[in-house]
N, C-alpha and C. Protein backbone atom coordinates (compact mmCIF):
# COMPACT_ATOMS: atom_id res chain seq x y z
N MET A 1 27.97 56.56 -6.56
CA MET A 1 26.89 56.07 -5.73
C MET A 1 27.28 54.78 -5.03
N ILE A 2 27.87 53.85 -5.75
CA ILE A 2 28.21 52.56 -5.16
C ILE A 2 29.20 52.72 -4.03
N SER A 3 30.24 53.54 -4.22
CA SER A 3 31.27 53.67 -3.20
C SER A 3 30.71 54.22 -1.89
N LYS A 4 29.67 55.01 -1.93
CA LYS A 4 29.08 55.54 -0.71
C LYS A 4 28.34 54.45 0.06
N LYS A 5 27.84 53.47 -0.63
CA LYS A 5 27.00 52.45 0.00
C LYS A 5 27.81 51.24 0.49
N LEU A 6 29.05 51.10 0.04
CA LEU A 6 29.82 49.91 0.34
C LEU A 6 30.85 50.18 1.42
N SER A 7 31.22 49.11 2.12
CA SER A 7 32.27 49.23 3.12
C SER A 7 33.61 49.45 2.42
N PRO A 8 34.60 50.01 3.10
CA PRO A 8 35.90 50.27 2.48
C PRO A 8 36.55 49.02 1.90
N GLU A 9 36.35 47.87 2.54
CA GLU A 9 36.94 46.63 2.04
C GLU A 9 36.39 46.24 0.68
N ARG A 10 35.16 46.59 0.40
CA ARG A 10 34.50 46.19 -0.84
C ARG A 10 34.81 47.12 -2.01
N LYS A 11 35.26 48.32 -1.75
CA LYS A 11 35.50 49.29 -2.82
C LYS A 11 36.52 48.80 -3.84
N ASN A 12 37.54 48.09 -3.37
CA ASN A 12 38.61 47.65 -4.25
C ASN A 12 38.58 46.15 -4.50
N CYS A 13 37.52 45.52 -4.19
CA CYS A 13 37.39 44.06 -4.33
C CYS A 13 37.11 43.69 -5.78
N GLU A 14 37.88 42.72 -6.30
CA GLU A 14 37.70 42.33 -7.70
C GLU A 14 37.43 40.85 -7.89
N SER A 15 37.41 40.07 -6.83
CA SER A 15 37.13 38.64 -7.00
C SER A 15 35.69 38.45 -7.44
N PRO A 16 35.40 37.36 -8.19
CA PRO A 16 34.01 37.13 -8.64
C PRO A 16 33.00 37.10 -7.50
N LEU A 17 33.38 36.48 -6.38
CA LEU A 17 32.45 36.41 -5.25
C LEU A 17 32.22 37.81 -4.68
N CYS A 18 33.27 38.57 -4.56
CA CYS A 18 33.15 39.92 -4.01
C CYS A 18 32.33 40.81 -4.94
N VAL A 19 32.57 40.69 -6.24
CA VAL A 19 31.81 41.49 -7.22
C VAL A 19 30.34 41.13 -7.13
N ARG A 20 30.02 39.84 -7.02
CA ARG A 20 28.63 39.39 -6.91
C ARG A 20 27.99 39.93 -5.64
N GLU A 21 28.72 39.88 -4.51
CA GLU A 21 28.17 40.40 -3.26
C GLU A 21 27.98 41.91 -3.33
N THR A 22 28.91 42.61 -3.96
CA THR A 22 28.80 44.05 -4.12
C THR A 22 27.58 44.40 -4.96
N PHE A 23 27.37 43.69 -6.06
CA PHE A 23 26.21 43.90 -6.91
C PHE A 23 24.93 43.65 -6.13
N SER A 24 24.95 42.61 -5.30
CA SER A 24 23.78 42.27 -4.49
C SER A 24 23.47 43.40 -3.49
N GLU A 25 24.52 43.99 -2.89
CA GLU A 25 24.31 45.10 -1.95
C GLU A 25 23.66 46.28 -2.65
N VAL A 26 24.13 46.59 -3.85
CA VAL A 26 23.57 47.70 -4.61
C VAL A 26 22.11 47.42 -4.98
N LEU A 27 21.83 46.19 -5.42
CA LEU A 27 20.45 45.83 -5.76
C LEU A 27 19.55 45.92 -4.54
N ASN A 28 20.03 45.44 -3.39
CA ASN A 28 19.21 45.50 -2.18
C ASN A 28 18.89 46.94 -1.82
N HIS A 29 19.86 47.82 -1.93
CA HIS A 29 19.62 49.23 -1.63
C HIS A 29 18.60 49.80 -2.61
N SER A 30 18.78 49.53 -3.90
CA SER A 30 17.84 50.03 -4.90
C SER A 30 16.44 49.47 -4.67
N PHE A 31 16.38 48.20 -4.30
CA PHE A 31 15.09 47.56 -4.04
C PHE A 31 14.37 48.26 -2.88
N ARG A 32 15.11 48.58 -1.82
CA ARG A 32 14.50 49.28 -0.67
C ARG A 32 14.03 50.67 -1.08
N GLU A 33 14.84 51.35 -1.89
CA GLU A 33 14.43 52.68 -2.35
C GLU A 33 13.16 52.61 -3.18
N MET A 34 13.10 51.64 -4.10
CA MET A 34 11.92 51.49 -4.95
C MET A 34 10.69 51.13 -4.13
N ASN A 35 10.85 50.29 -3.12
CA ASN A 35 9.72 49.95 -2.25
C ASN A 35 9.23 51.17 -1.49
N ALA A 36 10.14 52.02 -1.04
CA ALA A 36 9.74 53.24 -0.33
C ALA A 36 8.95 54.16 -1.27
N ILE A 37 9.42 54.28 -2.51
CA ILE A 37 8.70 55.10 -3.49
C ILE A 37 7.32 54.51 -3.75
N ALA A 38 7.24 53.19 -3.89
CA ALA A 38 5.95 52.53 -4.15
C ALA A 38 4.97 52.76 -3.01
N ARG A 39 5.45 52.72 -1.78
CA ARG A 39 4.55 52.98 -0.64
C ARG A 39 4.01 54.41 -0.70
N GLY A 40 4.85 55.35 -1.11
CA GLY A 40 4.39 56.73 -1.26
C GLY A 40 3.35 56.86 -2.36
N VAL A 41 3.58 56.18 -3.47
CA VAL A 41 2.62 56.22 -4.59
C VAL A 41 1.30 55.60 -4.16
N GLU A 42 1.36 54.46 -3.46
CA GLU A 42 0.14 53.81 -2.99
C GLU A 42 -0.63 54.73 -2.04
N ALA A 43 0.09 55.40 -1.16
CA ALA A 43 -0.58 56.31 -0.22
C ALA A 43 -1.25 57.45 -0.97
N ARG A 44 -0.56 57.99 -1.95
CA ARG A 44 -1.13 59.10 -2.75
C ARG A 44 -2.36 58.61 -3.53
N LEU A 45 -2.29 57.41 -4.10
CA LEU A 45 -3.44 56.88 -4.83
C LEU A 45 -4.62 56.67 -3.90
N ASP A 46 -4.34 56.26 -2.67
CA ASP A 46 -5.43 56.09 -1.71
C ASP A 46 -6.16 57.41 -1.51
N LEU A 47 -5.41 58.50 -1.45
CA LEU A 47 -6.05 59.81 -1.31
C LEU A 47 -6.93 60.13 -2.52
N LEU A 48 -6.46 59.75 -3.70
CA LEU A 48 -7.17 60.09 -4.93
C LEU A 48 -8.37 59.19 -5.21
N THR A 49 -8.29 57.93 -4.80
CA THR A 49 -9.34 56.98 -5.14
C THR A 49 -10.38 56.79 -4.05
N GLY A 50 -10.08 57.22 -2.84
CA GLY A 50 -11.03 57.05 -1.74
C GLY A 50 -11.13 55.61 -1.26
N ARG A 51 -10.09 54.83 -1.50
CA ARG A 51 -10.10 53.43 -1.10
C ARG A 51 -10.34 53.27 0.39
N SER A 52 -9.72 54.11 1.20
CA SER A 52 -9.87 54.00 2.64
C SER A 52 -11.32 54.19 3.07
N GLU A 53 -12.01 55.14 2.44
CA GLU A 53 -13.43 55.37 2.78
C GLU A 53 -14.29 54.16 2.41
N ILE A 54 -13.95 53.54 1.29
CA ILE A 54 -14.70 52.35 0.86
C ILE A 54 -14.48 51.22 1.85
N VAL A 55 -13.23 51.03 2.27
CA VAL A 55 -12.92 49.98 3.25
C VAL A 55 -13.66 50.25 4.56
N THR A 56 -13.66 51.50 4.99
CA THR A 56 -14.35 51.85 6.23
C THR A 56 -15.84 51.55 6.13
N GLN A 57 -16.48 51.98 5.06
CA GLN A 57 -17.92 51.77 4.92
C GLN A 57 -18.26 50.28 4.84
N ARG A 58 -17.50 49.53 4.11
CA ARG A 58 -17.77 48.08 4.02
C ARG A 58 -17.55 47.38 5.35
N THR A 59 -16.56 47.85 6.10
CA THR A 59 -16.32 47.27 7.42
C THR A 59 -17.49 47.57 8.35
N ILE A 60 -18.00 48.77 8.30
CA ILE A 60 -19.17 49.13 9.10
C ILE A 60 -20.36 48.27 8.71
N ASP A 61 -20.59 48.10 7.43
CA ASP A 61 -21.71 47.26 6.96
C ASP A 61 -21.59 45.82 7.47
N ILE A 62 -20.39 45.28 7.41
CA ILE A 62 -20.18 43.90 7.88
C ILE A 62 -20.36 43.84 9.40
N GLY A 63 -19.85 44.86 10.11
CA GLY A 63 -20.02 44.89 11.57
C GLY A 63 -21.49 44.88 11.96
N ARG A 64 -22.28 45.64 11.24
CA ARG A 64 -23.73 45.65 11.52
C ARG A 64 -24.36 44.30 11.25
N LYS A 65 -23.97 43.65 10.16
CA LYS A 65 -24.51 42.33 9.86
C LYS A 65 -24.11 41.29 10.90
N LEU A 66 -22.98 41.53 11.54
CA LEU A 66 -22.52 40.62 12.60
C LEU A 66 -23.06 41.01 13.97
N ASP A 67 -23.98 41.97 13.98
CA ASP A 67 -24.63 42.44 15.21
C ASP A 67 -23.65 43.02 16.23
N ILE A 68 -22.59 43.65 15.75
CA ILE A 68 -21.71 44.39 16.66
C ILE A 68 -22.50 45.62 17.10
N PRO A 69 -22.48 45.94 18.38
CA PRO A 69 -23.27 47.08 18.87
C PRO A 69 -22.94 48.36 18.10
N GLU A 70 -23.99 49.11 17.78
CA GLU A 70 -23.84 50.35 17.00
C GLU A 70 -22.88 51.33 17.67
N GLU A 71 -22.94 51.39 18.98
CA GLU A 71 -22.05 52.29 19.72
C GLU A 71 -20.58 51.95 19.45
N GLU A 72 -20.27 50.66 19.42
CA GLU A 72 -18.89 50.23 19.15
C GLU A 72 -18.49 50.55 17.70
N ILE A 73 -19.41 50.35 16.80
CA ILE A 73 -19.14 50.66 15.39
C ILE A 73 -18.87 52.15 15.23
N LEU A 74 -19.67 52.99 15.89
CA LEU A 74 -19.48 54.44 15.78
C LEU A 74 -18.15 54.88 16.40
N LYS A 75 -17.76 54.28 17.53
CA LYS A 75 -16.47 54.60 18.14
C LYS A 75 -15.34 54.22 17.20
N TRP A 76 -15.42 53.02 16.66
CA TRP A 76 -14.39 52.55 15.73
C TRP A 76 -14.32 53.47 14.51
N SER A 77 -15.47 53.81 13.98
CA SER A 77 -15.53 54.66 12.79
C SER A 77 -14.89 56.02 13.06
N ALA A 78 -15.16 56.60 14.22
CA ALA A 78 -14.58 57.90 14.57
C ALA A 78 -13.06 57.80 14.70
N LEU A 79 -12.57 56.74 15.33
CA LEU A 79 -11.12 56.55 15.45
C LEU A 79 -10.48 56.35 14.09
N ARG A 80 -11.14 55.59 13.26
CA ARG A 80 -10.62 55.34 11.91
C ARG A 80 -10.57 56.64 11.11
N LEU A 81 -11.61 57.44 11.21
CA LEU A 81 -11.65 58.73 10.50
C LEU A 81 -10.53 59.65 10.99
N THR A 82 -10.31 59.69 12.30
CA THR A 82 -9.23 60.52 12.85
C THR A 82 -7.88 60.05 12.34
N HIS A 83 -7.66 58.76 12.38
CA HIS A 83 -6.39 58.20 11.90
C HIS A 83 -6.19 58.50 10.42
N ASP A 84 -7.21 58.29 9.62
CA ASP A 84 -7.10 58.54 8.18
C ASP A 84 -6.84 60.02 7.89
N SER A 85 -7.51 60.90 8.62
CA SER A 85 -7.31 62.34 8.42
C SER A 85 -5.89 62.75 8.74
N GLU A 86 -5.36 62.24 9.85
CA GLU A 86 -3.98 62.55 10.22
C GLU A 86 -3.01 62.01 9.18
N ARG A 87 -3.21 60.79 8.76
CA ARG A 87 -2.34 60.17 7.75
C ARG A 87 -2.41 60.93 6.44
N ASN A 88 -3.61 61.31 6.02
CA ASN A 88 -3.77 62.04 4.77
C ASN A 88 -3.09 63.40 4.81
N GLY A 89 -3.12 64.05 5.97
CA GLY A 89 -2.44 65.33 6.11
C GLY A 89 -0.93 65.19 5.93
N VAL A 90 -0.38 64.14 6.51
CA VAL A 90 1.05 63.88 6.38
C VAL A 90 1.39 63.56 4.93
N ILE A 91 0.60 62.71 4.30
CA ILE A 91 0.85 62.31 2.90
C ILE A 91 0.76 63.52 1.99
N THR A 92 -0.24 64.36 2.18
CA THR A 92 -0.41 65.54 1.35
C THR A 92 0.80 66.48 1.51
N GLY A 93 1.23 66.67 2.74
CA GLY A 93 2.39 67.51 2.97
C GLY A 93 3.65 66.99 2.32
N ILE A 94 3.86 65.70 2.39
CA ILE A 94 5.05 65.08 1.80
C ILE A 94 4.99 65.15 0.29
N THR A 95 3.85 64.85 -0.30
CA THR A 95 3.76 64.80 -1.76
C THR A 95 3.82 66.19 -2.39
N LYS A 96 3.53 67.22 -1.64
CA LYS A 96 3.68 68.58 -2.16
C LYS A 96 5.14 68.92 -2.37
N LEU A 97 6.02 68.26 -1.60
CA LEU A 97 7.46 68.48 -1.74
C LEU A 97 8.01 67.82 -2.99
N ALA A 98 7.36 66.75 -3.45
CA ALA A 98 7.88 65.99 -4.59
C ALA A 98 7.51 66.62 -5.90
């Protein structure tokens, strides 16, 4: 795994500085992979917990208290629902593969 991620110069490097930099490269790659996995898990949890719907409803409630015109709130709500539905479809499709 390491040799695939490193430049050819680093594959045979044995100096302490080079070893430390090589280790850092591997950690950075692993860190990015773990963050990508975490984003997928968060997206899946959002589908299961309904967090997005709660955020939408609370935003609408606050908008009304701030006297934002109802027409604007309804337009925003429809756009948000469309966006969430599209995103959820993508997430569902991806997580079925896992």
